[in-house]
C-alpha atoms as a PDB file:
ATOM      1  CA  MET A   1      84.330 123.239 216.904  1.00  0.00           C
ATOM      2  CA  LEU A   2      82.072 121.929 214.059  1.00  0.00           C
ATOM      3  CA  ARG A   3      81.524 124.768 211.171  1.00  0.00           C
ATOM      4  CA  PRO A   4      78.022 124.979 210.382  1.00  0.00           C
ATOM      5  CA  ARG A   5      77.021 123.831 206.863  1.00  0.00           C
ATOM      6  CA  LYS A   6      76.096 126.212 204.035  1.00  0.00           C
ATOM      7  CA  PRO A   7      72.580 125.013 202.809  1.00  0.00           C
ATOM      8  CA  LYS A   8      72.411 123.264 199.732  1.00  0.00           C
ATOM      9  CA  LYS A   9      70.528 125.817 198.057  1.00  0.00           C
ATOM     10  CA  ASP A  10      73.770 128.233 198.553  1.00  0.00           C
ATOM     11  CA  ARG A  11      75.883 125.504 197.598  1.00  0.00           C
ATOM     12  CA  ARG A  12      73.700 125.375 194.661  1.00  0.00           C
ATOM     13  CA  GLN A  13      73.638 129.213 193.774  1.00  0.00           C
ATOM     14  CA  SER A  14      77.421 129.599 194.178  1.00  0.00           C
ATOM     15  CA  LYS A  15      77.952 126.687 191.320  1.00  0.00           C
ATOM     16  CA  ASP A  16      75.802 128.149 189.290  1.00  0.00           C
ATOM     17  CA  ASN A  17      77.216 131.904 189.125  1.00  0.00           C
ATOM     18  CA  PHE A  18      80.914 130.004 188.687  1.00  0.00           C
ATOM     19  CA  HIS A  19      79.267 128.363 185.206  1.00  0.00           C
ATOM     20  CA  GLU A  20      77.614 132.061 184.535  1.00  0.00           C
ATOM     21  CA  THR A  21      81.570 133.233 184.990  1.00  0.00           C
ATOM     22  CA  VAL A  22      82.889 130.683 182.919  1.00  0.00           C
ATOM     23  CA  ARG A  23      80.425 131.017 180.149  1.00  0.00           C
ATOM     24  CA  GLU A  24      80.418 134.792 180.459  1.00  0.00           C
ATOM     25  CA  SER A  25      84.699 134.983 179.852  1.00  0.00           C
ATOM     26  CA  HIS A  26      84.651 132.241 176.861  1.00  0.00           C
ATOM     27  CA  THR A  27      81.805 134.234 175.094  1.00  0.00           C
ATOM     28  CA  SER A  28      84.242 137.502 175.637  1.00  0.00           C
ATOM     29  CA  GLN A  29      87.109 135.606 174.497  1.00  0.00           C
ATOM     30  CA  THR A  30      84.556 134.232 171.418  1.00  0.00           C
ATOM     31  CA  THR A  31      83.893 138.125 170.544  1.00  0.00           C
ATOM     32  CA  ILE A  32      87.414 139.007 171.040  1.00  0.00           C
ATOM     33  CA  ARG A  33      88.587 136.822 168.369  1.00  0.00           C
ATOM     34  CA  ILE A  34      85.828 137.169 165.928  1.00  0.00           C
ATOM     35  CA  ARG A  35      86.630 141.193 165.785  1.00  0.00           C
ATOM     36  CA  GLU A  36      90.071 140.476 165.609  1.00  0.00           C
ATOM     37  CA  ALA A  37      88.963 137.945 162.205  1.00  0.00           C
ATOM     38  CA  VAL A  38      87.167 141.055 161.165  1.00  0.00           C
ATOM     39  CA  ARG A  39      89.722 143.162 161.414  1.00  0.00           C
ATOM     40  CA  LYS A  40      91.844 141.378 159.772  1.00  0.00           C
ATOM     41  CA  THR A  41      89.415 140.623 157.098  1.00  0.00           C
ATOM     42  CA  ALA A  42      88.879 144.724 156.656  1.00  0.00           C
ATOM     43  CA  SER A  43      91.911 144.968 156.684  1.00  0.00           C
ATOM     44  CA  ALA A  44      93.468 142.313 154.107  1.00  0.00           C
ATOM     45  CA  LEU A  45      90.484 143.894 151.855  1.00  0.00           C
ATOM     46  CA  ARG A  46      91.680 147.214 151.928  1.00  0.00           C
ATOM     47  CA  VAL A  47      95.082 145.910 150.997  1.00  0.00           C
ATOM     48  CA  ILE A  48      93.695 143.658 147.934  1.00  0.00           C
ATOM     49  CA  ASN A  49      91.418 146.881 146.849  1.00  0.00           C
ATOM     50  CA  THR A  50      94.568 148.945 146.843  1.00  0.00           C
ATOM     51  CA  ILE A  51      96.508 146.757 144.681  1.00  0.00           C
ATOM     52  CA  LEU A  52      93.312 146.412 142.473  1.00  0.00           C
ATOM     53  CA  ILE A  53      92.932 150.155 141.925  1.00  0.00           C
ATOM     54  CA  VAL A  54      96.598 150.426 142.197  1.00  0.00           C
ATOM     55  CA  PHE A  55      96.784 147.723 139.171  1.00  0.00           C
ATOM     56  CA  PHE A  56      93.625 149.499 136.828  1.00  0.00           C
ATOM     57  CA  PHE A  57      95.192 153.027 137.109  1.00  0.00           C
ATOM     58  CA  GLY A  58      98.698 151.344 136.115  1.00  0.00           C
ATOM     59  CA  SER A  59      97.009 149.419 133.161  1.00  0.00           C
ATOM     60  CA  VAL A  60      95.437 152.429 132.204  1.00  0.00           C
ATOM     61  CA  ILE A  61      98.495 155.209 132.374  1.00  0.00           C
ATOM     62  CA  PHE A  62     100.543 151.849 130.268  1.00  0.00           C
ATOM     63  CA  GLY A  63      97.903 151.900 127.840  1.00  0.00           C
ATOM     64  CA  VAL A  64      97.953 155.241 126.664  1.00  0.00           C
ATOM     65  CA  ALA A  65     101.309 156.094 126.962  1.00  0.00           C
ATOM     66  CA  ASN A  66     101.991 152.828 124.715  1.00  0.00           C
ATOM     67  CA  HIS A  67      99.470 154.317 122.397  1.00  0.00           C
ATOM     68  CA  SER A  68     100.406 157.389 122.584  1.00  0.00           C
ATOM     69  CA  LEU A  69     104.246 156.330 121.741  1.00  0.00           C
ATOM     70  CA  LEU A  70     102.776 154.431 118.567  1.00  0.00           C
ATOM     71  CA  LYS A  71     100.803 157.199 117.340  1.00  0.00           C
ATOM     72  CA  TYR A  72     104.485 159.452 117.809  1.00  0.00           C
ATOM     73  CA  HIS A  73     106.542 156.508 115.387  1.00  0.00           C
ATOM     74  CA  ARG A  74     103.569 156.653 113.534  1.00  0.00           C
ATOM     75  CA  ARG A  75     103.127 160.342 112.771  1.00  0.00           C
ATOM     76  CA  GLY A  76     107.474 160.007 112.493  1.00  0.00           C
ATOM     77  CA  ILE A  77     107.261 157.301 109.680  1.00  0.00           C
ATOM     78  CA  ALA A  78     104.352 159.250 107.663  1.00  0.00           C
ATOM     79  CA  ARG A  79     106.141 162.514 108.006  1.00  0.00           C
ATOM     80  CA  ASP A  80     109.455 160.903 106.570  1.00  0.00           C
ATOM     81  CA  PHE A  81     107.706 159.279 104.042  1.00  0.00           C
ATOM     82  CA  ALA A  82     105.820 162.741 102.944  1.00  0.00           C
ATOM     83  CA  LYS A  83     109.181 164.571 102.862  1.00  0.00           C
ATOM     84  CA  THR A  84     110.709 162.108 100.248  1.00  0.00           C
ATOM     85  CA  ARG A  85     108.069 162.378  98.096  1.00  0.00           C
ATOM     86  CA  GLY A  86     106.560 166.095  98.034  1.00  0.00           C
ATOM     87  CA  SER A  87     103.118 165.129  99.469  1.00  0.00           C
ATOM     88  CA  THR A  88     100.951 165.009 101.991  1.00  0.00           C
ATOM     89  CA  VAL A  89     100.191 161.626 103.417  1.00  0.00           C
ATOM     90  CA  VAL A  90      96.928 160.321 104.948  1.00  0.00           C
ATOM     91  CA  THR A  91      95.979 157.650 106.850  1.00  0.00           C
ATOM     92  CA  MET A  92      93.164 155.677 107.408  1.00  0.00           C
ATOM     93  CA  VAL A  93      94.235 151.851 109.022  1.00  0.00           C
ATOM     94  CA  HIS A  94      91.293 149.445 110.273  1.00  0.00           C
ATOM     95  CA  ARG A  95      92.190 147.054 112.550  1.00  0.00           C
ATOM     96  CA  GLN A  96      90.150 144.693 114.943  1.00  0.00           C
ATOM     97  CA  GLU A  97      91.074 146.409 118.007  1.00  0.00           C
ATOM     98  CA  THR A  98      90.918 144.924 121.532  1.00  0.00           C
ATOM     99  CA  VAL A  99      89.598 147.362 124.358  1.00  0.00           C
ATOM    100  CA  GLY A 100      89.778 147.783 127.639  1.00  0.00           C
ATOM    101  CA  LEU A 101      91.512 145.413 130.594  1.00  0.00           C
ATOM    102  CA  PHE A 102      89.799 142.752 129.377  1.00  0.00           C
ATOM    103  CA  GLY A 103      90.522 142.790 125.770  1.00  0.00           C
ATOM    104  CA  ILE A 104      86.660 143.050 123.753  1.00  0.00           C
ATOM    105  CA  PRO A 105      87.171 143.298 120.515  1.00  0.00           C
ATOM    106  CA  VAL A 106      86.086 146.209 118.528  1.00  0.00           C
ATOM    107  CA  LYS A 107      85.820 145.984 114.641  1.00  0.00           C
ATOM    108  CA  GLN A 108      86.873 148.778 112.774  1.00  0.00           C
ATOM    109  CA  TYR A 109      85.245 149.591 109.766  1.00  0.00           C
ATOM    110  CA  ILE A 110      84.620 153.260 107.145  1.00  0.00           C
ATOM    111  CA  LYS A 111      82.317 155.425 109.071  1.00  0.00           C
ATOM    112  CA  VAL A 112      81.296 158.896 109.338  1.00  0.00           C
ATOM    113  CA  GLU A 113      83.729 159.950 111.431  1.00  0.00           C
ATOM    114  CA  ASP A 114      86.491 159.167 108.858  1.00  0.00           C
ATOM    115  CA  ALA A 115      84.727 160.929 106.153  1.00  0.00           C
ATOM    116  CA  GLU A 116      84.669 164.474 108.183  1.00  0.00           C
ATOM    117  CA  SER A 117      88.643 163.774 109.135  1.00  0.00           C
ATOM    118  CA  VAL A 118      89.521 162.885 105.931  1.00  0.00           C
ATOM    119  CA  LEU A 119      87.792 165.673 103.993  1.00  0.00           C
ATOM    120  CA  ARG A 120      89.219 168.107 106.195  1.00  0.00           C
ATOM    121  CA  ALA A 121      92.915 166.725 105.575  1.00  0.00           C
ATOM    122  CA  ILE A 122      92.451 167.004 101.931  1.00  0.00           C
ATOM    123  CA  ARG A 123      91.000 170.498 102.341  1.00  0.00           C
ATOM    124  CA  ASN A 124      94.430 171.491 103.907  1.00  0.00           C
ATOM    125  CA  VAL A 125      96.398 170.113 101.131  1.00  0.00           C
ATOM    126  CA  PRO A 126      97.584 172.988  98.645  1.00  0.00           C
ATOM    127  CA  GLU A 127      95.827 172.424  95.294  1.00  0.00           C
ATOM    128  CA  ASP A 128      98.478 171.713  93.808  1.00  0.00           C
ATOM    129  CA  LYS A 129     100.845 169.098  96.172  1.00  0.00           C
ATOM    130  CA  PRO A 130     100.427 165.423  95.951  1.00  0.00           C
ATOM    131  CA  ILE A 131      98.303 163.448  98.233  1.00  0.00           C
ATOM    132  CA  ASP A 132      99.513 159.564  99.088  1.00  0.00           C
ATOM    133  CA  PHE A 133      96.646 158.124 100.671  1.00  0.00           C
ATOM    134  CA  ILE A 134      97.330 154.844 102.697  1.00  0.00           C
ATOM    135  CA  VAL A 135      94.190 152.830 102.808  1.00  0.00           C
ATOM    136  CA  HIS A 136      93.459 149.228 104.609  1.00  0.00           C
ATOM    137  CA  THR A 137      90.029 148.775 105.321  1.00  0.00           C
ATOM    138  CA  PRO A 138      87.276 145.848 105.224  1.00  0.00           C
ATOM    139  CA  GLY A 139      85.204 148.637 104.043  1.00  0.00           C
ATOM    140  CA  GLY A 140      82.109 150.477 105.688  1.00  0.00           C
ATOM    141  CA  ILE A 141      79.333 152.897 105.102  1.00  0.00           C
ATOM    142  CA  LEU A 142      78.829 153.382 101.306  1.00  0.00           C
ATOM    143  CA  PHE A 143      77.999 157.604 101.439  1.00  0.00           C
ATOM    144  CA  SER A 144      81.119 157.855 103.289  1.00  0.00           C
ATOM    145  CA  ALA A 145      83.462 156.239 101.107  1.00  0.00           C
ATOM    146  CA  TYR A 146      81.941 158.176  98.422  1.00  0.00           C
ATOM    147  CA  GLN A 147      82.746 161.455  99.913  1.00  0.00           C
ATOM    148  CA  ILE A 148      86.450 160.658 100.475  1.00  0.00           C
ATOM    149  CA  ALA A 149      86.701 158.903  97.157  1.00  0.00           C
ATOM    150  CA  ARG A 150      85.165 162.253  95.430  1.00  0.00           C
ATOM    151  CA  ALA A 151      87.041 164.725  97.625  1.00  0.00           C
ATOM    152  CA  LEU A 152      90.359 162.818  95.964  1.00  0.00           C
ATOM    153  CA  LYS A 153      89.558 162.617  92.455  1.00  0.00           C
ATOM    154  CA  GLU A 154      88.666 166.186  92.653  1.00  0.00           C
ATOM    155  CA  HIS A 155      92.034 167.271  94.216  1.00  0.00           C
ATOM    156  CA  LYS A 156      94.324 169.080  91.689  1.00  0.00           C
ATOM    157  CA  GLY A 157      97.142 167.156  92.310  1.00  0.00           C
ATOM    158  CA  LYS A 158      98.232 163.706  91.784  1.00  0.00           C
ATOM    159  CA  VAL A 159      96.967 161.204  93.961  1.00  0.00           C
ATOM    160  CA  THR A 160      98.255 158.218  94.999  1.00  0.00           C
ATOM    161  CA  VAL A 161      96.368 155.091  96.704  1.00  0.00           C
ATOM    162  CA  PHE A 162      98.389 152.919  98.416  1.00  0.00           C
ATOM    163  CA  VAL A 163      96.910 149.685  99.463  1.00  0.00           C
ATOM    164  CA  PRO A 164      99.273 147.142 101.106  1.00  0.00           C
ATOM    165  CA  HIS A 165      97.131 144.317 102.687  1.00  0.00           C
ATOM    166  CA  TYR A 166      93.371 144.904 101.490  1.00  0.00           C
ATOM    167  CA  ALA A 167      91.001 147.483 100.900  1.00  0.00           C
ATOM    168  CA  MET A 168      87.565 145.955 100.092  1.00  0.00           C
ATOM    169  CA  SER A 169      84.388 147.545  99.335  1.00  0.00           C
ATOM    170  CA  GLY A 170      84.482 150.887 100.250  1.00  0.00           C
ATOM    171  CA  GLY A 171      88.151 150.769 100.350  1.00  0.00           C
ATOM    172  CA  THR A 172      88.018 150.062  96.700  1.00  0.00           C
ATOM    173  CA  LEU A 173      85.713 152.766  95.837  1.00  0.00           C
ATOM    174  CA  ILE A 174      88.455 155.055  97.618  1.00  0.00           C
ATOM    175  CA  ALA A 175      91.289 153.446  95.179  1.00  0.00           C
ATOM    176  CA  LEU A 176      89.531 154.136  91.668  1.00  0.00           C
ATOM    177  CA  ALA A 177      89.536 157.344  92.652  1.00  0.00           C
ATOM    178  CA  ALA A 178      93.446 157.771  92.667  1.00  0.00           C
ATOM    179  CA  ASP A 179      95.799 158.455  89.531  1.00  0.00           C
ATOM    180  CA  ARG A 180      97.607 155.558  90.941  1.00  0.00           C
ATOM    181  CA  ILE A 181      97.121 152.468  92.358  1.00  0.00           C
ATOM    182  CA  VAL A 182     100.096 150.692  94.540  1.00  0.00           C
ATOM    183  CA  MET A 183      99.376 147.553  95.879  1.00  0.00           C
ATOM    184  CA  ASP A 184     101.877 145.051  97.650  1.00  0.00           C
ATOM    185  CA  LYS A 185     101.811 141.876  95.052  1.00  0.00           C
ATOM    186  CA  ASP A 186      99.177 139.591  97.437  1.00  0.00           C
ATOM    187  CA  ALA A 187      97.277 142.620  98.188  1.00  0.00           C
ATOM    188  CA  ILE A 188      93.684 142.987  97.237  1.00  0.00           C
ATOM    189  CA  LEU A 189      90.735 145.330  96.059  1.00  0.00           C
ATOM    190  CA  GLY A 190      87.125 143.761  95.955  1.00  0.00           C
ATOM    191  CA  PRO A 191      83.446 143.934  94.617  1.00  0.00           C
ATOM    192  CA  VAL A 192      81.319 147.343  95.645  1.00  0.00           C
ATOM    193  CA  ASP A 193      78.194 145.974  95.045  1.00  0.00           C
ATOM    194  CA  PRO A 194      75.512 146.675  97.348  1.00  0.00           C
ATOM    195  CA  GLN A 195      74.777 145.138 100.468  1.00  0.00           C
ATOM    196  CA  LEU A 196      71.417 145.777 102.067  1.00  0.00           C
ATOM    197  CA  ILE A 197      71.189 145.571 105.590  1.00  0.00           C
ATOM    198  CA  GLU A 198      67.896 144.108 107.662  1.00  0.00           C
ATOM    199  CA  GLN A 199      67.359 142.662 110.698  1.00  0.00           C
ATOM    200  CA  ASN A 200      71.226 142.814 111.152  1.00  0.00           C
ATOM    201  CA  ARG A 201      71.434 140.444 108.383  1.00  0.00           C
ATOM    202  CA  SER A 202      73.342 141.409 105.089  1.00  0.00           C
ATOM    203  CA  PHE A 203      71.318 140.412 101.481  1.00  0.00           C
ATOM    204  CA  PRO A 204      73.563 141.434  98.317  1.00  0.00           C
ATOM    205  CA  ALA A 205      71.255 143.786  95.934  1.00  0.00           C
ATOM    206  CA  VAL A 206      71.487 141.808  92.880  1.00  0.00           C
ATOM    207  CA  SER A 207      70.380 138.628  94.520  1.00  0.00           C
ATOM    208  CA  LEU A 208      67.414 140.272  96.133  1.00  0.00           C
ATOM    209  CA  LEU A 209      67.061 141.264  92.216  1.00  0.00           C
ATOM    210  CA  ASN A 210      66.528 137.569  91.289  1.00  0.00           C
ATOM    211  CA  ILE A 211      64.043 136.743  93.646  1.00  0.00           C
ATOM    212  CA  PRO A 212      61.005 138.150  91.188  1.00  0.00           C
ATOM    213  CA  LYS A 213      62.609 135.608  88.887  1.00  0.00           C
ATOM    214  CA  LEU A 214      62.557 132.553  91.299  1.00  0.00           C
ATOM    215  CA  LYS A 215      58.849 133.512  92.487  1.00  0.00           C
ATOM    216  CA  PRO A 216      55.832 134.932  91.513  1.00  0.00           C
ATOM    217  CA  TRP A 217      54.823 139.146  92.719  1.00  0.00           C
ATOM    218  CA  GLU A 218      51.961 137.405  94.816  1.00  0.00           C
ATOM    219  CA  ASP A 219      54.366 135.105  96.720  1.00  0.00           C
ATOM    220  CA  ILE A 220      56.611 137.825  98.134  1.00  0.00           C
ATOM    221  CA  ASP A 221      55.965 139.427 101.540  1.00  0.00           C
ATOM    222  CA  ASP A 222      55.738 143.194 101.585  1.00  0.00           C
ATOM    223  CA  SER A 223      58.974 143.611 103.236  1.00  0.00           C
ATOM    224  CA  THR A 224      60.868 141.997 100.730  1.00  0.00           C
ATOM    225  CA  VAL A 225      59.101 143.795  97.817  1.00  0.00           C
ATOM    226  CA  VAL A 226      60.416 147.226  99.128  1.00  0.00           C
ATOM    227  CA  MET A 227      63.967 145.204 100.040  1.00  0.00           C
ATOM    228  CA  ILE A 228      64.075 144.603  95.928  1.00  0.00           C
ATOM    229  CA  ASP A 229      62.834 148.283  95.365  1.00  0.00           C
ATOM    230  CA  GLN A 230      65.841 149.446  97.291  1.00  0.00           C
ATOM    231  CA  ALA A 231      68.117 146.899  95.700  1.00  0.00           C
ATOM    232  CA  GLU A 232      67.416 148.184  92.578  1.00  0.00           C
ATOM    233  CA  LYS A 233      67.577 151.620  93.343  1.00  0.00           C
ATOM    234  CA  SER A 234      71.178 151.284  94.832  1.00  0.00           C
ATOM    235  CA  LEU A 235      72.623 149.160  92.589  1.00  0.00           C
ATOM    236  CA  ARG A 236      71.981 151.653  89.935  1.00  0.00           C
ATOM    237  CA  GLN A 237      73.755 154.515  92.266  1.00  0.00           C
ATOM    238  CA  ILE A 238      76.823 152.576  92.744  1.00  0.00           C
ATOM    239  CA  ARG A 239      77.146 152.124  88.697  1.00  0.00           C
ATOM    240  CA  HIS A 240      77.036 155.973  88.830  1.00  0.00           C
ATOM    241  CA  MET A 241      79.141 156.381  91.498  1.00  0.00           C
ATOM    242  CA  VAL A 242      82.194 153.995  89.839  1.00  0.00           C
ATOM    243  CA  LYS A 243      81.383 156.064  86.179  1.00  0.00           C
ATOM    244  CA  THR A 244      81.925 159.394  87.621  1.00  0.00           C
ATOM    245  CA  LEU A 245      85.166 158.312  89.893  1.00  0.00           C
ATOM    246  CA  LEU A 246      86.338 156.686  86.829  1.00  0.00           C
ATOM    247  CA  GLU A 247      85.416 159.200  83.308  1.00  0.00           C
ATOM    248  CA  GLY A 248      88.483 161.282  82.409  1.00  0.00           C
ATOM    249  CA  ARG A 249      91.015 158.611  83.368  1.00  0.00           C
ATOM    250  CA  MET A 250      90.017 155.990  80.698  1.00  0.00           C
ATOM    251  CA  PRO A 251      87.917 154.928  77.540  1.00  0.00           C
ATOM    252  CA  PRO A 252      84.250 154.606  78.441  1.00  0.00           C
ATOM    253  CA  GLN A 253      84.801 150.557  77.373  1.00  0.00           C
ATOM    254  CA  ALA A 254      87.155 150.508  80.157  1.00  0.00           C
ATOM    255  CA  ILE A 255      84.823 151.983  82.305  1.00  0.00           C
ATOM    256  CA  ASP A 256      81.933 149.705  81.735  1.00  0.00           C
ATOM    257  CA  ARG A 257      83.936 146.748  82.220  1.00  0.00           C
ATOM    258  CA  ILE A 258      84.918 147.846  86.025  1.00  0.00           C
ATOM    259  CA  VAL A 259      81.490 149.166  86.469  1.00  0.00           C
ATOM    260  CA  ALA A 260      80.394 145.271  85.198  1.00  0.00           C
ATOM    261  CA  ARG A 261      82.909 143.361  87.271  1.00  0.00           C
ATOM    262  CA  LEU A 262      82.762 145.609  90.281  1.00  0.00           C
ATOM    263  CA  THR A 263      78.967 145.666  90.867  1.00  0.00           C
ATOM    264  CA  SER A 264      77.098 142.924  88.348  1.00  0.00           C
ATOM    265  CA  GLY A 265      77.113 140.276  91.803  1.00  0.00           C
ATOM    266  CA  GLU A 266      78.604 137.771  89.470  1.00  0.00           C
ATOM    267  CA  ILE A 267      81.230 137.270  92.099  1.00  0.00           C
ATOM    268  CA  THR A 268      80.783 137.576  95.629  1.00  0.00           C
ATOM    269  CA  HIS A 269      80.982 140.595  97.719  1.00  0.00           C
ATOM    270  CA  ASP A 270      84.220 138.843  99.399  1.00  0.00           C
ATOM    271  CA  TYR A 271      85.874 137.633  95.934  1.00  0.00           C
ATOM    272  CA  PRO A 272      89.870 139.025  95.936  1.00  0.00           C
ATOM    273  CA  ILE A 273      90.780 141.075  93.160  1.00  0.00           C
ATOM    274  CA  PHE A 274      94.406 140.733  93.304  1.00  0.00           C
ATOM    275  CA  PRO A 275      96.922 143.291  91.470  1.00  0.00           C
ATOM    276  CA  ASP A 276      97.002 141.141  88.466  1.00  0.00           C
ATOM    277  CA  GLU A 277      93.220 141.097  87.618  1.00  0.00           C
ATOM    278  CA  ALA A 278      93.091 144.756  88.019  1.00  0.00           C
ATOM    279  CA  LYS A 279      95.185 145.482  85.995  1.00  0.00           C
ATOM    280  CA  GLN A 280      93.457 143.383  83.193  1.00  0.00           C
ATOM    281  CA  LEU A 281      90.936 145.678  84.414  1.00  0.00           C
ATOM    282  CA  GLY A 282      92.242 148.557  83.077  1.00  0.00           C
ATOM    283  CA  LEU A 283      92.922 150.120  86.970  1.00  0.00           C
ATOM    284  CA  PRO A 284      96.491 152.031  87.213  1.00  0.00           C
ATOM    285  CA  VAL A 285      98.095 149.479  89.634  1.00  0.00           C
ATOM    286  CA  SER A 286     101.473 149.020  90.219  1.00  0.00           C
ATOM    287  CA  THR A 287     103.197 147.173  92.733  1.00  0.00           C
ATOM    288  CA  ASP A 288     106.172 148.745  93.612  1.00  0.00           C
ATOM    289  CA  MET A 289     105.008 149.385  97.186  1.00  0.00           C
ATOM    290  CA  PRO A 290     107.552 151.774  99.504  1.00  0.00           C
ATOM    291  CA  GLU A 291     109.176 150.282 102.894  1.00  0.00           C
ATOM    292  CA  PRO A 292     108.000 152.850 104.805  1.00  0.00           C
ATOM    293  CA  VAL A 293     104.565 152.281 104.049  1.00  0.00           C
ATOM    294  CA  TYR A 294     105.424 148.005 105.302  1.00  0.00           C
ATOM    295  CA  ASN A 295     106.911 150.157 108.533  1.00  0.00           C
ATOM    296  CA  LEU A 296     104.173 152.251 108.953  1.00  0.00           C
ATOM    297  CA  MET A 297     101.627 149.333 109.194  1.00  0.00           C
ATOM    298  CA  ALA A 298     103.649 147.131 111.427  1.00  0.00           C
ATOM    299  CA  LEU A 299     102.752 149.989 114.015  1.00  0.00           C
ATOM    300  CA  TYR A 300      99.238 148.615 113.801  1.00  0.00           C
ATOM    301  CA  PRO A 301      99.817 145.031 115.721  1.00  0.00           C
ATOM    302  CA  GLN A 302      97.135 143.023 115.110  1.00  0.00           C
ATOM    303  CA  PRO A 303      94.804 142.137 117.095  1.00  0.00           C
ATOM    304  CA  GLY A 304      95.279 145.415 118.873  1.00  0.00           C
ATOM    305  CA  GLY A 305      94.427 148.255 116.375  1.00  0.00           C
ATOM    306  CA  ASN A 306      93.375 151.905 115.674  1.00  0.00           C
ATOM    307  CA  SER A 307      91.491 153.835 113.291  1.00  0.00           C
ATOM    308  CA  THR A 308      93.149 156.876 112.035  1.00  0.00           C
ATOM    309  CA  SER A 309      92.369 159.400 109.353  1.00  0.00           C
ATOM    310  CA  ARG A 310      95.101 161.948 109.417  1.00  0.00           C
ATOM    311  CA  ALA A 311      97.332 164.237 107.478  1.00  0.00           C
ATOM    312  CA  GLY A 312     101.083 164.115 107.731  1.00  0.00           C
END
């Protein structure tokens, strides 16, 4: 018995339904695979994020712990040195340090905070107790350096400034206040002639005063005229500061010689003054650097470093 054949339309509909079912199956499988990939990616990102967080806080904790350990050892050396010499040790060390995980360099120099902490330390020293001041600095803010220098000069006890490597500009101004300056044989001091800053550029005061000798006043712009006026005042002020710090410690002729050498601009601001020249100028310099000072400086490693001003 012959079965009736299905109409072509029904066969076509059945075939379309089959293809639709296959497409839906493929779409469903693709969706599942995409969701699984997204889940795995999200899981991997969470793991990476956790690792980064652990690394960040681990680095911070390590940095803090390492810095605290260095400070502990510095205090120990300063304390033992002070005990041996019967003095109070004050340090002001400026070295270029790296900050943060990316090692961004930050240059250190004499600033207001140094003056505040050093003045506080000096005030806490008994009047007749010696002060050993260890300084390592490229210089910095003039009035802050002069505040420290004045406080050291006014202290009744003996003041010794130790320069293991360099004390330039404001650092030299501080050294001038000492009863005795102890330098490494290769350490340096430097000139203290004022440097005027204009639009992030530094101009020696003495050089500015020479401008009217090189061109007529009518050809000099107003801003330069103002800087020339400021240069004259700042040069007069620094000469007075140096004289004030040296008075009572040496003859007037020696003071005039030192003032001229350090402020006249006959040498550049970064000119190195080694111990032999410092002695020839009449400064109370020796090169008997105690070993503990070197040991202390070794705890201020380069390029990392720190700026501290404290009593020990």
